[in-house]
Amino acid sequence: MKCLILLLVVCVTVCCAQRIVENKDVLACHRHLECMPNEVYNCCGVCFELTCDNQSRNRSCDARCYKGCYCADGYTRRWAGGGCVRDAACSDRG
């Protein structure tokens, strides 16, 4: 019986320790840099963003997560490294 209780305590301790590690990863994600207007921080973004000049979604990308600032919904990056503009602004360019 003592062994069973000891085993239970060890299992609970290991599970709690694992949960703390997972929570640290989540909390670390929230400590992010300030994003520019029309951008949002994403802990698990894609390896590339569409731009006004390049709307091709046919890019190979590994499954890894990339932390950083990405254009908010309804916005597209004007060019690689540029600011985010409303999606309609891309088609308005002549």
N, C-alpha and C. Protein backbone atom coordinates (compact mmCIF):
# COMPACT_ATOMS: atom_id res chain seq x y z
N MET A 1 0.82 -1.19 0.00
CA MET A 1 0.00 0.00 0.00
C MET A 1 0.87 1.26 0.00
N LYS A 2 1.96 1.23 0.78
CA LYS A 2 2.86 2.38 0.82
C LYS A 2 3.48 2.62 -0.55
N CYS A 3 3.82 1.54 -1.23
CA CYS A 3 4.42 1.67 -2.57
C CYS A 3 3.42 2.29 -3.54
N LEU A 4 2.17 1.90 -3.42
CA LEU A 4 1.14 2.44 -4.30
C LEU A 4 0.96 3.94 -4.06
N ILE A 5 0.95 4.36 -2.81
CA ILE A 5 0.82 5.77 -2.48
C ILE A 5 2.04 6.54 -2.98
N LEU A 6 3.23 5.98 -2.78
CA LEU A 6 4.46 6.62 -3.26
C LEU A 6 4.43 6.76 -4.78
N LEU A 7 4.00 5.71 -5.46
CA LEU A 7 3.91 5.75 -6.92
C LEU A 7 2.92 6.83 -7.36
N LEU A 8 1.81 6.93 -6.68
CA LEU A 8 0.81 7.94 -7.00
C LEU A 8 1.37 9.35 -6.81
N VAL A 9 2.08 9.57 -5.72
CA VAL A 9 2.69 10.88 -5.46
C VAL A 9 3.71 11.23 -6.54
N VAL A 10 4.51 10.27 -6.94
CA VAL A 10 5.51 10.50 -7.99
C VAL A 10 4.82 10.84 -9.31
N CYS A 11 3.79 10.11 -9.65
CA CYS A 11 3.07 10.37 -10.90
C CYS A 11 2.45 11.77 -10.90
N VAL A 12 1.83 12.15 -9.81
CA VAL A 12 1.23 13.48 -9.71
C VAL A 12 2.29 14.56 -9.83
N THR A 13 3.43 14.35 -9.18
CA THR A 13 4.52 15.33 -9.24
C THR A 13 5.04 15.49 -10.66
N VAL A 14 5.24 14.38 -11.35
CA VAL A 14 5.73 14.43 -12.73
C VAL A 14 4.71 15.13 -13.63
N CYS A 15 3.45 14.81 -13.48
CA CYS A 15 2.42 15.44 -14.30
C CYS A 15 2.34 16.94 -14.05
N CYS A 16 2.42 17.33 -12.79
CA CYS A 16 2.38 18.76 -12.45
C CYS A 16 3.60 19.48 -13.01
N ALA A 17 4.76 18.85 -12.92
CA ALA A 17 5.98 19.47 -13.45
C ALA A 17 5.86 19.65 -14.96
N GLN A 18 5.32 18.68 -15.65
CA GLN A 18 5.14 18.78 -17.11
C GLN A 18 4.18 19.91 -17.44
N ARG A 19 3.13 20.04 -16.68
CA ARG A 19 2.14 21.10 -16.93
C ARG A 19 2.76 22.48 -16.72
N ILE A 20 3.63 22.61 -15.74
CA ILE A 20 4.31 23.88 -15.50
C ILE A 20 5.19 24.24 -16.68
N VAL A 21 5.90 23.28 -17.24
CA VAL A 21 6.75 23.53 -18.40
C VAL A 21 5.90 23.97 -19.58
N GLU A 22 4.77 23.30 -19.82
CA GLU A 22 3.89 23.69 -20.92
C GLU A 22 3.36 25.10 -20.71
N ASN A 23 2.98 25.44 -19.50
CA ASN A 23 2.46 26.78 -19.22
C ASN A 23 3.53 27.83 -19.42
N LYS A 24 4.79 27.53 -19.10
CA LYS A 24 5.87 28.50 -19.32
C LYS A 24 6.00 28.81 -20.80
N ASP A 25 5.85 27.78 -21.66
CA ASP A 25 5.92 28.00 -23.10
C ASP A 25 4.81 28.93 -23.55
N VAL A 26 3.61 28.73 -23.03
CA VAL A 26 2.48 29.57 -23.40
C VAL A 26 2.71 30.99 -22.91
N LEU A 27 3.16 31.14 -21.67
CA LEU A 27 3.40 32.47 -21.12
C LEU A 27 4.53 33.18 -21.86
N ALA A 28 5.55 32.43 -22.25
CA ALA A 28 6.66 33.04 -22.98
C ALA A 28 6.16 33.64 -24.29
N CYS A 29 5.17 33.04 -24.86
CA CYS A 29 4.61 33.54 -26.11
C CYS A 29 3.98 34.91 -25.91
N HIS A 30 3.41 35.15 -24.77
CA HIS A 30 2.72 36.42 -24.54
C HIS A 30 3.68 37.56 -24.28
N ARG A 31 4.93 37.26 -24.00
CA ARG A 31 5.92 38.33 -23.84
C ARG A 31 6.49 38.62 -25.21
N HIS A 32 5.80 39.42 -25.97
CA HIS A 32 6.19 39.64 -27.36
C HIS A 32 6.53 41.10 -27.62
N LEU A 33 7.10 41.31 -28.76
CA LEU A 33 7.45 42.66 -29.17
C LEU A 33 6.21 43.42 -29.61
N GLU A 34 6.31 44.72 -29.65
CA GLU A 34 5.20 45.54 -30.12
C GLU A 34 5.11 45.43 -31.63
N CYS A 35 3.92 45.22 -32.11
CA CYS A 35 3.71 45.13 -33.55
C CYS A 35 3.30 46.50 -34.09
N MET A 36 3.49 46.68 -35.37
CA MET A 36 3.11 47.91 -36.05
C MET A 36 1.59 47.96 -36.21
N PRO A 37 1.05 49.10 -36.62
CA PRO A 37 -0.40 49.18 -36.86
C PRO A 37 -0.86 48.12 -37.86
N ASN A 38 -2.02 47.58 -37.65
CA ASN A 38 -2.64 46.56 -38.51
C ASN A 38 -1.92 45.22 -38.46
N GLU A 39 -1.09 45.02 -37.46
CA GLU A 39 -0.39 43.75 -37.27
C GLU A 39 -0.80 43.15 -35.93
N VAL A 40 -0.71 41.84 -35.85
CA VAL A 40 -0.95 41.12 -34.61
C VAL A 40 0.20 40.15 -34.39
N TYR A 41 0.52 39.91 -33.13
CA TYR A 41 1.59 38.97 -32.81
C TYR A 41 1.03 37.56 -32.87
N ASN A 42 1.79 36.66 -33.46
CA ASN A 42 1.38 35.26 -33.57
C ASN A 42 2.53 34.38 -33.12
N CYS A 43 2.26 33.51 -32.16
CA CYS A 43 3.29 32.60 -31.64
C CYS A 43 3.57 31.47 -32.61
N CYS A 44 2.64 31.21 -33.49
CA CYS A 44 2.81 30.08 -34.40
C CYS A 44 2.33 30.47 -35.79
N GLY A 45 3.02 31.42 -36.38
CA GLY A 45 2.67 31.87 -37.72
C GLY A 45 3.34 31.04 -38.80
N VAL A 46 3.02 31.35 -40.03
CA VAL A 46 3.58 30.63 -41.18
C VAL A 46 4.97 31.17 -41.50
N CYS A 47 5.68 30.49 -42.38
CA CYS A 47 7.05 30.88 -42.71
C CYS A 47 7.09 32.03 -43.71
N PHE A 48 5.95 32.43 -44.26
CA PHE A 48 5.91 33.54 -45.21
C PHE A 48 4.55 34.21 -45.12
N GLU A 49 4.48 35.43 -45.62
CA GLU A 49 3.20 36.14 -45.71
C GLU A 49 2.95 36.54 -47.15
N LEU A 50 1.69 36.54 -47.52
CA LEU A 50 1.34 37.05 -48.84
C LEU A 50 1.57 38.55 -48.87
N THR A 51 1.92 39.07 -50.04
CA THR A 51 2.09 40.51 -50.21
C THR A 51 1.19 40.96 -51.35
N CYS A 52 1.04 42.25 -51.51
CA CYS A 52 0.25 42.77 -52.63
C CYS A 52 0.84 42.30 -53.96
N ASP A 53 2.15 42.23 -54.04
CA ASP A 53 2.81 41.84 -55.28
C ASP A 53 2.85 40.33 -55.49
N ASN A 54 2.72 39.56 -54.42
CA ASN A 54 2.83 38.11 -54.53
C ASN A 54 1.70 37.46 -53.75
N GLN A 55 0.64 37.11 -54.45
CA GLN A 55 -0.52 36.48 -53.83
C GLN A 55 -0.50 34.96 -53.97
N SER A 56 0.62 34.41 -54.41
CA SER A 56 0.74 32.97 -54.62
C SER A 56 0.75 32.24 -53.28
N ARG A 57 -0.17 31.32 -53.13
CA ARG A 57 -0.23 30.50 -51.91
C ARG A 57 0.52 29.18 -52.11
N ASN A 58 1.10 29.00 -53.28
CA ASN A 58 1.80 27.76 -53.59
C ASN A 58 3.26 27.83 -53.16
N ARG A 59 3.47 27.86 -51.88
CA ARG A 59 4.82 27.90 -51.34
C ARG A 59 5.00 26.72 -50.42
N SER A 60 6.16 26.11 -50.51
CA SER A 60 6.43 25.02 -49.57
C SER A 60 6.89 25.62 -48.26
N CYS A 61 6.40 25.08 -47.19
CA CYS A 61 6.72 25.61 -45.88
C CYS A 61 6.74 24.43 -44.92
N ASP A 62 7.74 24.40 -44.06
CA ASP A 62 7.77 23.31 -43.09
C ASP A 62 6.68 23.55 -42.04
N ALA A 63 6.47 22.58 -41.21
CA ALA A 63 5.38 22.64 -40.23
C ALA A 63 5.76 23.40 -38.97
N ARG A 64 6.95 23.94 -38.90
CA ARG A 64 7.37 24.66 -37.70
C ARG A 64 6.56 25.94 -37.52
N CYS A 65 6.55 26.41 -36.30
CA CYS A 65 5.90 27.68 -35.98
C CYS A 65 6.93 28.80 -36.02
N TYR A 66 6.50 29.95 -36.46
CA TYR A 66 7.35 31.12 -36.51
C TYR A 66 6.69 32.24 -35.71
N LYS A 67 7.37 32.70 -34.67
CA LYS A 67 6.85 33.79 -33.86
C LYS A 67 7.11 35.11 -34.57
N GLY A 68 6.18 36.04 -34.45
CA GLY A 68 6.40 37.35 -35.03
C GLY A 68 5.12 38.10 -35.28
N CYS A 69 5.27 39.27 -35.86
CA CYS A 69 4.13 40.13 -36.19
C CYS A 69 3.64 39.79 -37.60
N TYR A 70 2.35 39.57 -37.72
CA TYR A 70 1.73 39.23 -38.99
C TYR A 70 0.58 40.21 -39.23
N CYS A 71 0.24 40.40 -40.50
CA CYS A 71 -0.87 41.29 -40.82
C CYS A 71 -2.16 40.75 -40.19
N ALA A 72 -2.97 41.65 -39.65
CA ALA A 72 -4.26 41.29 -39.06
C ALA A 72 -5.20 40.82 -40.17
N ASP A 73 -6.29 40.16 -39.78
CA ASP A 73 -7.29 39.73 -40.75
C ASP A 73 -7.79 40.93 -41.54
N GLY A 74 -7.92 40.75 -42.85
CA GLY A 74 -8.38 41.83 -43.71
C GLY A 74 -7.27 42.73 -44.21
N TYR A 75 -6.04 42.41 -43.83
CA TYR A 75 -4.88 43.21 -44.24
C TYR A 75 -3.85 42.32 -44.91
N THR A 76 -3.08 42.92 -45.81
CA THR A 76 -2.01 42.23 -46.53
C THR A 76 -0.77 43.09 -46.46
N ARG A 77 0.37 42.44 -46.43
CA ARG A 77 1.63 43.18 -46.40
C ARG A 77 1.84 43.81 -47.77
N ARG A 78 2.12 45.13 -47.80
CA ARG A 78 2.27 45.83 -49.08
C ARG A 78 3.39 45.21 -49.90
N TRP A 79 4.53 44.95 -49.30
CA TRP A 79 5.65 44.24 -49.92
C TRP A 79 6.39 43.55 -48.79
N ALA A 80 7.27 42.65 -49.11
CA ALA A 80 8.03 41.93 -48.09
C ALA A 80 8.74 42.92 -47.18
N GLY A 81 8.45 42.87 -45.91
CA GLY A 81 9.07 43.78 -44.95
C GLY A 81 8.34 45.11 -44.81
N GLY A 82 7.33 45.34 -45.64
CA GLY A 82 6.58 46.59 -45.58
C GLY A 82 5.43 46.52 -44.59
N GLY A 83 4.67 47.59 -44.54
CA GLY A 83 3.53 47.67 -43.64
C GLY A 83 2.33 46.90 -44.17
N CYS A 84 1.32 46.76 -43.32
CA CYS A 84 0.10 46.06 -43.69
C CYS A 84 -0.96 47.07 -44.13
N VAL A 85 -1.59 46.79 -45.26
CA VAL A 85 -2.63 47.66 -45.80
C VAL A 85 -3.90 46.83 -45.97
N ARG A 86 -5.04 47.51 -46.06
CA ARG A 86 -6.29 46.78 -46.29
C ARG A 86 -6.16 45.97 -47.58
N ASP A 87 -6.79 44.80 -47.58
CA ASP A 87 -6.73 43.93 -48.76
C ASP A 87 -7.13 44.68 -50.03
N ALA A 88 -8.15 45.52 -49.94
CA ALA A 88 -8.63 46.26 -51.12
C ALA A 88 -7.57 47.21 -51.66
N ALA A 89 -6.67 47.68 -50.81
CA ALA A 89 -5.63 48.61 -51.26
C ALA A 89 -4.68 47.94 -52.23
N CYS A 90 -4.53 46.64 -52.15
CA CYS A 90 -3.66 45.93 -53.09
C CYS A 90 -4.24 45.98 -54.50
N SER A 91 -5.55 45.77 -54.61
CA SER A 91 -6.17 45.78 -55.94
C SER A 91 -6.35 47.19 -56.47
N ASP A 92 -6.33 48.20 -55.58
CA ASP A 92 -6.46 49.59 -56.01
C ASP A 92 -5.19 50.11 -56.67
N ARG A 93 -4.09 49.43 -56.42
CA ARG A 93 -2.82 49.89 -57.01
C ARG A 93 -2.87 49.65 -58.51
N GLY A 94 -2.45 50.59 -59.26
CA GLY A 94 -2.54 50.46 -60.71
C GLY A 94 -1.39 49.93 -61.32
